[in-house]
Amino acid sequence: MVHQSAVIKNKMIKEYQRLEDENVDRDVLEELTLGSLRKAVQEGDTENGSVMAGQITGLINEIKPVDTLIQEMMTQATMTASQLIIK
């Protein structure tokens, strides 16, 4: 049985693709991916682990620090609240 996932391309995924292109046995691919989600999520190894991605990843245009995102959201919230008060 094959399970498909959307993942971020990293060292592990490139190796998986290389092995898949060489038509290696499925057991070899399963061995490579065994515990890969745990590596990424629990151990923080984002190069050798499986970093899951969803449909939203296609909508990301830039990466910003969290404090910048919070400041932008607060500015937008303040502007929206001001507009609601004026009406």
PDB file of N, CA and C in Angstrom:
ATOM      1  N   MET A   1       0.846  -1.177   0.000  1.00  0.00           N
ATOM      2  CA  MET A   1       0.000   0.000   0.000  1.00  0.00           C
ATOM      3  C   MET A   1       0.895   1.245   0.000  1.00  0.00           C
ATOM      4  N   VAL A   2       0.553   2.212  -0.830  1.00  0.00           N
ATOM      5  CA  VAL A   2       1.320   3.452  -0.931  1.00  0.00           C
ATOM      6  C   VAL A   2       0.505   4.588  -0.329  1.00  0.00           C
ATOM      7  N   HIS A   3       1.135   5.353   0.547  1.00  0.00           N
ATOM      8  CA  HIS A   3       0.491   6.518   1.151  1.00  0.00           C
ATOM      9  C   HIS A   3       1.171   7.763   0.611  1.00  0.00           C
ATOM     10  N   GLN A   4       0.396   8.666   0.044  1.00  0.00           N
ATOM     11  CA  GLN A   4       0.959   9.902  -0.473  1.00  0.00           C
ATOM     12  C   GLN A   4       0.808  11.010   0.551  1.00  0.00           C
ATOM     13  N   SER A   5       1.825  11.863   0.606  1.00  0.00           N
ATOM     14  CA  SER A   5       1.807  13.006   1.515  1.00  0.00           C
ATOM     15  C   SER A   5       2.434  14.197   0.821  1.00  0.00           C
ATOM     16  N   ALA A   6       1.972  15.372   1.188  1.00  0.00           N
ATOM     17  CA  ALA A   6       2.615  16.599   0.717  1.00  0.00           C
ATOM     18  C   ALA A   6       3.679  16.950   1.747  1.00  0.00           C
ATOM     19  N   VAL A   7       4.923  17.071   1.288  1.00  0.00           N
ATOM     20  CA  VAL A   7       6.035  17.342   2.196  1.00  0.00           C
ATOM     21  C   VAL A   7       6.930  18.442   1.632  1.00  0.00           C
ATOM     22  N   ILE A   8       7.717  19.034   2.513  1.00  0.00           N
ATOM     23  CA  ILE A   8       8.706  20.025   2.110  1.00  0.00           C
ATOM     24  C   ILE A   8       9.925  19.280   1.578  1.00  0.00           C
ATOM     25  N   LYS A   9      10.447  19.726   0.445  1.00  0.00           N
ATOM     26  CA  LYS A   9      11.603  19.064  -0.153  1.00  0.00           C
ATOM     27  C   LYS A   9      12.846  19.352   0.687  1.00  0.00           C
ATOM     28  N   ASN A  10      13.463  18.294   1.179  1.00  0.00           N
ATOM     29  CA  ASN A  10      14.671  18.415   1.981  1.00  0.00           C
ATOM     30  C   ASN A  10      15.621  17.279   1.611  1.00  0.00           C
ATOM     31  N   LYS A  11      16.668  17.097   2.390  1.00  0.00           N
ATOM     32  CA  LYS A  11      17.675  16.071   2.114  1.00  0.00           C
ATOM     33  C   LYS A  11      17.053  14.674   2.035  1.00  0.00           C
ATOM     34  N   MET A  12      16.178  14.350   2.985  1.00  0.00           N
ATOM     35  CA  MET A  12      15.560  13.026   3.011  1.00  0.00           C
ATOM     36  C   MET A  12      14.666  12.797   1.791  1.00  0.00           C
ATOM     37  N   ILE A  13      13.906  13.806   1.413  1.00  0.00           N
ATOM     38  CA  ILE A  13      13.003  13.673   0.263  1.00  0.00           C
ATOM     39  C   ILE A  13      13.802  13.530  -1.037  1.00  0.00           C
ATOM     40  N   LYS A  14      14.888  14.277  -1.154  1.00  0.00           N
ATOM     41  CA  LYS A  14      15.741  14.153  -2.348  1.00  0.00           C
ATOM     42  C   LYS A  14      16.312  12.747  -2.459  1.00  0.00           C
ATOM     43  N   GLU A  15      16.723  12.180  -1.325  1.00  0.00           N
ATOM     44  CA  GLU A  15      17.228  10.807  -1.313  1.00  0.00           C
ATOM     45  C   GLU A  15      16.110   9.830  -1.678  1.00  0.00           C
ATOM     46  N   TYR A  16      14.922  10.043  -1.156  1.00  0.00           N
ATOM     47  CA  TYR A  16      13.762   9.208  -1.480  1.00  0.00           C
ATOM     48  C   TYR A  16      13.499   9.243  -2.989  1.00  0.00           C
ATOM     49  N   GLN A  17      13.501  10.449  -3.564  1.00  0.00           N
ATOM     50  CA  GLN A  17      13.254  10.583  -5.001  1.00  0.00           C
ATOM     51  C   GLN A  17      14.335   9.888  -5.821  1.00  0.00           C
ATOM     52  N   ARG A  18      15.592  10.015  -5.372  1.00  0.00           N
ATOM     53  CA  ARG A  18      16.695   9.364  -6.083  1.00  0.00           C
ATOM     54  C   ARG A  18      16.509   7.849  -6.070  1.00  0.00           C
ATOM     55  N   LEU A  19      16.194   7.304  -4.901  1.00  0.00           N
ATOM     56  CA  LEU A  19      15.987   5.858  -4.786  1.00  0.00           C
ATOM     57  C   LEU A  19      14.773   5.400  -5.589  1.00  0.00           C
ATOM     58  N   GLU A  20      13.726   6.194  -5.559  1.00  0.00           N
ATOM     59  CA  GLU A  20      12.516   5.866  -6.315  1.00  0.00           C
ATOM     60  C   GLU A  20      12.810   5.850  -7.815  1.00  0.00           C
ATOM     61  N   ASP A  21      13.606   6.811  -8.281  1.00  0.00           N
ATOM     62  CA  ASP A  21      13.995   6.856  -9.696  1.00  0.00           C
ATOM     63  C   ASP A  21      14.816   5.632 -10.095  1.00  0.00           C
ATOM     64  N   GLU A  22      15.535   5.067  -9.127  1.00  0.00           N
ATOM     65  CA  GLU A  22      16.335   3.866  -9.382  1.00  0.00           C
ATOM     66  C   GLU A  22      15.510   2.587  -9.246  1.00  0.00           C
ATOM     67  N   ASN A  23      14.211   2.758  -9.002  1.00  0.00           N
ATOM     68  CA  ASN A  23      13.288   1.622  -8.864  1.00  0.00           C
ATOM     69  C   ASN A  23      13.716   0.628  -7.790  1.00  0.00           C
ATOM     70  N   VAL A  24      14.172   1.149  -6.654  1.00  0.00           N
ATOM     71  CA  VAL A  24      14.539   0.254  -5.557  1.00  0.00           C
ATOM     72  C   VAL A  24      13.281  -0.379  -4.973  1.00  0.00           C
ATOM     73  N   ASP A  25      13.483  -1.429  -4.225  1.00  0.00           N
ATOM     74  CA  ASP A  25      12.382  -2.137  -3.588  1.00  0.00           C
ATOM     75  C   ASP A  25      11.656  -1.216  -2.601  1.00  0.00           C
ATOM     76  N   ARG A  26      10.352  -1.364  -2.495  1.00  0.00           N
ATOM     77  CA  ARG A  26       9.534  -0.540  -1.587  1.00  0.00           C
ATOM     78  C   ARG A  26      10.026  -0.633  -0.140  1.00  0.00           C
ATOM     79  N   ASP A  27      10.583  -1.783   0.233  1.00  0.00           N
ATOM     80  CA  ASP A  27      11.092  -1.944   1.600  1.00  0.00           C
ATOM     81  C   ASP A  27      12.223  -0.960   1.887  1.00  0.00           C
ATOM     82  N   VAL A  28      13.043  -0.669   0.892  1.00  0.00           N
ATOM     83  CA  VAL A  28      14.142   0.293   1.052  1.00  0.00           C
ATOM     84  C   VAL A  28      13.570   1.684   1.292  1.00  0.00           C
ATOM     85  N   LEU A  29      12.540   2.040   0.536  1.00  0.00           N
ATOM     86  CA  LEU A  29      11.904   3.347   0.708  1.00  0.00           C
ATOM     87  C   LEU A  29      11.230   3.450   2.076  1.00  0.00           C
ATOM     88  N   GLU A  30      10.574   2.376   2.493  1.00  0.00           N
ATOM     89  CA  GLU A  30       9.923   2.385   3.805  1.00  0.00           C
ATOM     90  C   GLU A  30      10.940   2.506   4.929  1.00  0.00           C
ATOM     91  N   GLU A  31      12.078   1.860   4.769  1.00  0.00           N
ATOM     92  CA  GLU A  31      13.140   1.952   5.781  1.00  0.00           C
ATOM     93  C   GLU A  31      13.654   3.385   5.893  1.00  0.00           C
ATOM     94  N   LEU A  32      13.781   4.062   4.756  1.00  0.00           N
ATOM     95  CA  LEU A  32      14.243   5.451   4.748  1.00  0.00           C
ATOM     96  C   LEU A  32      13.261   6.359   5.475  1.00  0.00           C
ATOM     97  N   THR A  33      11.975   6.123   5.275  1.00  0.00           N
ATOM     98  CA  THR A  33      10.964   7.017   5.843  1.00  0.00           C
ATOM     99  C   THR A  33      10.499   6.613   7.242  1.00  0.00           C
ATOM    100  N   LEU A  34      10.877   5.442   7.702  1.00  0.00           N
ATOM    101  CA  LEU A  34      10.453   4.965   9.016  1.00  0.00           C
ATOM    102  C   LEU A  34      10.911   5.933  10.113  1.00  0.00           C
ATOM    103  N   GLY A  35       9.971   6.485  10.836  1.00  0.00           N
ATOM    104  CA  GLY A  35      10.287   7.412  11.923  1.00  0.00           C
ATOM    105  C   GLY A  35      10.638   8.817  11.465  1.00  0.00           C
ATOM    106  N   SER A  36      10.453   9.101  10.177  1.00  0.00           N
ATOM    107  CA  SER A  36      10.867  10.408   9.647  1.00  0.00           C
ATOM    108  C   SER A  36      10.001  11.560  10.155  1.00  0.00           C
ATOM    109  N   LEU A  37       8.723  11.316  10.390  1.00  0.00           N
ATOM    110  CA  LEU A  37       7.864  12.371  10.937  1.00  0.00           C
ATOM    111  C   LEU A  37       8.292  12.702  12.368  1.00  0.00           C
ATOM    112  N   ARG A  38       8.615  11.673  13.136  1.00  0.00           N
ATOM    113  CA  ARG A  38       9.100  11.871  14.504  1.00  0.00           C
ATOM    114  C   ARG A  38      10.390  12.680  14.501  1.00  0.00           C
ATOM    115  N   LYS A  39      11.296  12.360  13.568  1.00  0.00           N
ATOM    116  CA  LYS A  39      12.553  13.111  13.473  1.00  0.00           C
ATOM    117  C   LYS A  39      12.286  14.598  13.289  1.00  0.00           C
ATOM    118  N   ALA A  40      11.365  14.920  12.400  1.00  0.00           N
ATOM    119  CA  ALA A  40      11.083  16.331  12.101  1.00  0.00           C
ATOM    120  C   ALA A  40      10.336  17.012  13.233  1.00  0.00           C
ATOM    121  N   VAL A  41       9.292  16.365  13.739  1.00  0.00           N
ATOM    122  CA  VAL A  41       8.402  17.008  14.707  1.00  0.00           C
ATOM    123  C   VAL A  41       8.978  16.999  16.121  1.00  0.00           C
ATOM    124  N   GLN A  42       9.426  15.850  16.576  1.00  0.00           N
ATOM    125  CA  GLN A  42       9.873  15.740  17.970  1.00  0.00           C
ATOM    126  C   GLN A  42      11.341  16.097  18.163  1.00  0.00           C
ATOM    127  N   GLU A  43      12.176  15.742  17.185  1.00  0.00           N
ATOM    128  CA  GLU A  43      13.611  15.978  17.328  1.00  0.00           C
ATOM    129  C   GLU A  43      14.064  17.267  16.653  1.00  0.00           C
ATOM    130  N   GLY A  44      13.209  17.847  15.822  1.00  0.00           N
ATOM    131  CA  GLY A  44      13.567  19.087  15.134  1.00  0.00           C
ATOM    132  C   GLY A  44      14.517  18.897  13.960  1.00  0.00           C
ATOM    133  N   ASP A  45      14.685  17.661  13.507  1.00  0.00           N
ATOM    134  CA  ASP A  45      15.580  17.373  12.383  1.00  0.00           C
ATOM    135  C   ASP A  45      14.813  17.550  11.075  1.00  0.00           C
ATOM    136  N   THR A  46      14.809  18.776  10.567  1.00  0.00           N
ATOM    137  CA  THR A  46      14.019  19.081   9.375  1.00  0.00           C
ATOM    138  C   THR A  46      14.735  18.727   8.073  1.00  0.00           C
ATOM    139  N   GLU A  47      15.979  18.289   8.145  1.00  0.00           N
ATOM    140  CA  GLU A  47      16.694  17.868   6.939  1.00  0.00           C
ATOM    141  C   GLU A  47      16.548  16.371   6.686  1.00  0.00           C
ATOM    142  N   ASN A  48      16.512  15.587   7.748  1.00  0.00           N
ATOM    143  CA  ASN A  48      16.436  14.131   7.613  1.00  0.00           C
ATOM    144  C   ASN A  48      15.083  13.574   8.019  1.00  0.00           C
ATOM    145  N   GLY A  49      14.172  14.458   8.358  1.00  0.00           N
ATOM    146  CA  GLY A  49      12.834  14.042   8.744  1.00  0.00           C
ATOM    147  C   GLY A  49      11.815  14.439   7.696  1.00  0.00           C
ATOM    148  N   SER A  50      10.602  13.968   7.886  1.00  0.00           N
ATOM    149  CA  SER A  50       9.508  14.269   6.970  1.00  0.00           C
ATOM    150  C   SER A  50       8.745  15.486   7.486  1.00  0.00           C
ATOM    151  N   VAL A  51       8.876  16.600   6.769  1.00  0.00           N
ATOM    152  CA  VAL A  51       8.214  17.844   7.158  1.00  0.00           C
ATOM    153  C   VAL A  51       6.938  17.967   6.333  1.00  0.00           C
ATOM    154  N   MET A  52       5.819  17.694   6.986  1.00  0.00           N
ATOM    155  CA  MET A  52       4.535  17.698   6.295  1.00  0.00           C
ATOM    156  C   MET A  52       4.136  19.108   5.860  1.00  0.00           C
ATOM    157  N   ALA A  53       3.456  19.167   4.725  1.00  0.00           N
ATOM    158  CA  ALA A  53       2.959  20.438   4.197  1.00  0.00           C
ATOM    159  C   ALA A  53       1.543  20.203   3.692  1.00  0.00           C
ATOM    160  N   GLY A  54       0.769  21.246   3.687  1.00  0.00           N
ATOM    161  CA  GLY A  54      -0.598  21.132   3.207  1.00  0.00           C
ATOM    162  C   GLY A  54      -0.811  21.995   1.982  1.00  0.00           C
ATOM    163  N   GLN A  55      -2.055  22.112   1.570  1.00  0.00           N
ATOM    164  CA  GLN A  55      -2.386  22.895   0.386  1.00  0.00           C
ATOM    165  C   GLN A  55      -2.038  24.361   0.558  1.00  0.00           C
ATOM    166  N   ILE A  56      -1.988  24.824   1.777  1.00  0.00           N
ATOM    167  CA  ILE A  56      -1.708  26.227   2.058  1.00  0.00           C
ATOM    168  C   ILE A  56      -0.302  26.631   1.609  1.00  0.00           C
ATOM    169  N   THR A  57       0.625  25.686   1.525  1.00  0.00           N
ATOM    170  CA  THR A  57       2.004  26.037   1.194  1.00  0.00           C
ATOM    171  C   THR A  57       2.117  26.749  -0.145  1.00  0.00           C
ATOM    172  N   GLY A  58       1.199  26.504  -1.048  1.00  0.00           N
ATOM    173  CA  GLY A  58       1.223  27.185  -2.337  1.00  0.00           C
ATOM    174  C   GLY A  58       0.849  28.653  -2.249  1.00  0.00           C
ATOM    175  N   LEU A  59       0.291  29.054  -1.122  1.00  0.00           N
ATOM    176  CA  LEU A  59      -0.129  30.443  -0.937  1.00  0.00           C
ATOM    177  C   LEU A  59       0.900  31.281  -0.192  1.00  0.00           C
ATOM    178  N   ILE A  60       1.976  30.667   0.263  1.00  0.00           N
ATOM    179  CA  ILE A  60       3.001  31.397   1.015  1.00  0.00           C
ATOM    180  C   ILE A  60       3.918  32.122   0.040  1.00  0.00           C
ATOM    181  N   ASN A  61       3.991  33.444   0.185  1.00  0.00           N
ATOM    182  CA  ASN A  61       4.837  34.250  -0.691  1.00  0.00           C
ATOM    183  C   ASN A  61       6.117  34.709  -0.019  1.00  0.00           C
ATOM    184  N   GLU A  62       6.096  34.783   1.305  1.00  0.00           N
ATOM    185  CA  GLU A  62       7.285  35.216   2.038  1.00  0.00           C
ATOM    186  C   GLU A  62       7.244  34.662   3.454  1.00  0.00           C
ATOM    187  N   ILE A  63       8.410  34.575   4.052  1.00  0.00           N
ATOM    188  CA  ILE A  63       8.514  34.108   5.428  1.00  0.00           C
ATOM    189  C   ILE A  63       8.894  35.303   6.290  1.00  0.00           C
ATOM    190  N   LYS A  64       8.100  35.526   7.335  1.00  0.00           N
ATOM    191  CA  LYS A  64       8.320  36.668   8.219  1.00  0.00           C
ATOM    192  C   LYS A  64       8.502  36.181   9.649  1.00  0.00           C
ATOM    193  N   PRO A  65       9.237  36.947  10.458  1.00  0.00           N
ATOM    194  CA  PRO A  65       9.330  36.614  11.881  1.00  0.00           C
ATOM    195  C   PRO A  65       7.956  36.743  12.543  1.00  0.00           C
ATOM    196  N   VAL A  66       7.719  35.955  13.568  1.00  0.00           N
ATOM    197  CA  VAL A  66       6.431  35.956  14.258  1.00  0.00           C
ATOM    198  C   VAL A  66       6.089  37.337  14.800  1.00  0.00           C
ATOM    199  N   ASP A  67       7.079  38.046  15.362  1.00  0.00           N
ATOM    200  CA  ASP A  67       6.768  39.364  15.924  1.00  0.00           C
ATOM    201  C   ASP A  67       6.278  40.330  14.853  1.00  0.00           C
ATOM    202  N   THR A  68       6.811  40.207  13.640  1.00  0.00           N
ATOM    203  CA  THR A  68       6.347  41.044  12.530  1.00  0.00           C
ATOM    204  C   THR A  68       4.905  40.703  12.179  1.00  0.00           C
ATOM    205  N   LEU A  69       4.594  39.411  12.120  1.00  0.00           N
ATOM    206  CA  LEU A  69       3.222  38.984  11.814  1.00  0.00           C
ATOM    207  C   LEU A  69       2.240  39.508  12.854  1.00  0.00           C
ATOM    208  N   ILE A  70       2.619  39.409  14.119  1.00  0.00           N
ATOM    209  CA  ILE A  70       1.731  39.885  15.188  1.00  0.00           C
ATOM    210  C   ILE A  70       1.530  41.392  15.085  1.00  0.00           C
ATOM    211  N   GLN A  71       2.606  42.135  14.828  1.00  0.00           N
ATOM    212  CA  GLN A  71       2.487  43.592  14.677  1.00  0.00           C
ATOM    213  C   GLN A  71       1.562  43.946  13.512  1.00  0.00           C
ATOM    214  N   GLU A  72       1.709  43.243  12.396  1.00  0.00           N
ATOM    215  CA  GLU A  72       0.854  43.501  11.232  1.00  0.00           C
ATOM    216  C   GLU A  72      -0.609  43.186  11.546  1.00  0.00           C
ATOM    217  N   MET A  73      -0.853  42.070  12.234  1.00  0.00           N
ATOM    218  CA  MET A  73      -2.230  41.713  12.589  1.00  0.00           C
ATOM    219  C   MET A  73      -2.839  42.736  13.541  1.00  0.00           C
ATOM    220  N   MET A  74      -2.046  43.210  14.489  1.00  0.00           N
ATOM    221  CA  MET A  74      -2.546  44.217  15.435  1.00  0.00           C
ATOM    222  C   MET A  74      -2.863  45.529  14.715  1.00  0.00           C
ATOM    223  N   THR A  75      -2.022  45.919  13.765  1.00  0.00           N
ATOM    224  CA  THR A  75      -2.274  47.133  12.983  1.00  0.00           C
ATOM    225  C   THR A  75      -3.568  46.989  12.193  1.00  0.00           C
ATOM    226  N   GLN A  76      -3.736  45.838  11.534  1.00  0.00           N
ATOM    227  CA  GLN A  76      -4.957  45.594  10.767  1.00  0.00           C
ATOM    228  C   GLN A  76      -6.183  45.574  11.676  1.00  0.00           C
ATOM    229  N   ALA A  77      -6.063  44.964  12.847  1.00  0.00           N
ATOM    230  CA  ALA A  77      -7.191  44.904  13.782  1.00  0.00           C
ATOM    231  C   ALA A  77      -7.560  46.299  14.270  1.00  0.00           C
ATOM    232  N   THR A  78      -6.560  47.117  14.554  1.00  0.00           N
ATOM    233  CA  THR A  78      -6.809  48.488  15.005  1.00  0.00           C
ATOM    234  C   THR A  78      -7.505  49.293  13.916  1.00  0.00           C
ATOM    235  N   MET A  79      -7.038  49.149  12.680  1.00  0.00           N
ATOM    236  CA  MET A  79      -7.658  49.867  11.556  1.00  0.00           C
ATOM    237  C   MET A  79      -9.103  49.417  11.363  1.00  0.00           C
ATOM    238  N   THR A  80      -9.338  48.118  11.433  1.00  0.00           N
ATOM    239  CA  THR A  80     -10.696  47.589  11.268  1.00  0.00           C
ATOM    240  C   THR A  80     -11.605  48.084  12.386  1.00  0.00           C
ATOM    241  N   ALA A  81     -11.113  48.051  13.616  1.00  0.00           N
ATOM    242  CA  ALA A  81     -11.907  48.535  14.751  1.00  0.00           C
ATOM    243  C   ALA A  81     -12.232  50.015  14.592  1.00  0.00           C
ATOM    244  N   SER A  82     -11.273  50.806  14.126  1.00  0.00           N
ATOM    245  CA  SER A  82     -11.500  52.242  13.908  1.00  0.00           C
ATOM    246  C   SER A  82     -12.582  52.468  12.862  1.00  0.00           C
ATOM    247  N   GLN A  83     -12.552  51.689  11.800  1.00  0.00           N
ATOM    248  CA  GLN A  83     -13.552  51.828  10.740  1.00  0.00           C
ATOM    249  C   GLN A  83     -14.937  51.449  11.251  1.00  0.00           C
ATOM    250  N   LEU A  84     -15.021  50.459  12.106  1.00  0.00           N
ATOM    251  CA  LEU A  84     -16.313  50.045  12.655  1.00  0.00           C
ATOM    252  C   LEU A  84     -16.884  51.109  13.586  1.00  0.00           C
ATOM    253  N   ILE A  85     -16.016  51.767  14.329  1.00  0.00           N
ATOM    254  CA  ILE A  85     -16.458  52.819  15.247  1.00  0.00           C
ATOM    255  C   ILE A  85     -16.966  54.027  14.473  1.00  0.00           C
ATOM    256  N   ILE A  86     -16.293  54.363  13.364  1.00  0.00           N
ATOM    257  CA  ILE A  86     -16.678  55.520  12.547  1.00  0.00           C
ATOM    258  C   ILE A  86     -18.051  55.303  11.925  1.00  0.00           C
ATOM    259  N   LYS A  87     -18.362  54.099  11.509  1.00  0.00           N
ATOM    260  CA  LYS A  87     -19.633  53.805  10.845  1.00  0.00           C
ATOM    261  C   LYS A  87     -20.698  53.883  11.852  1.00  0.00           C
TER     262      LYS A  87
END
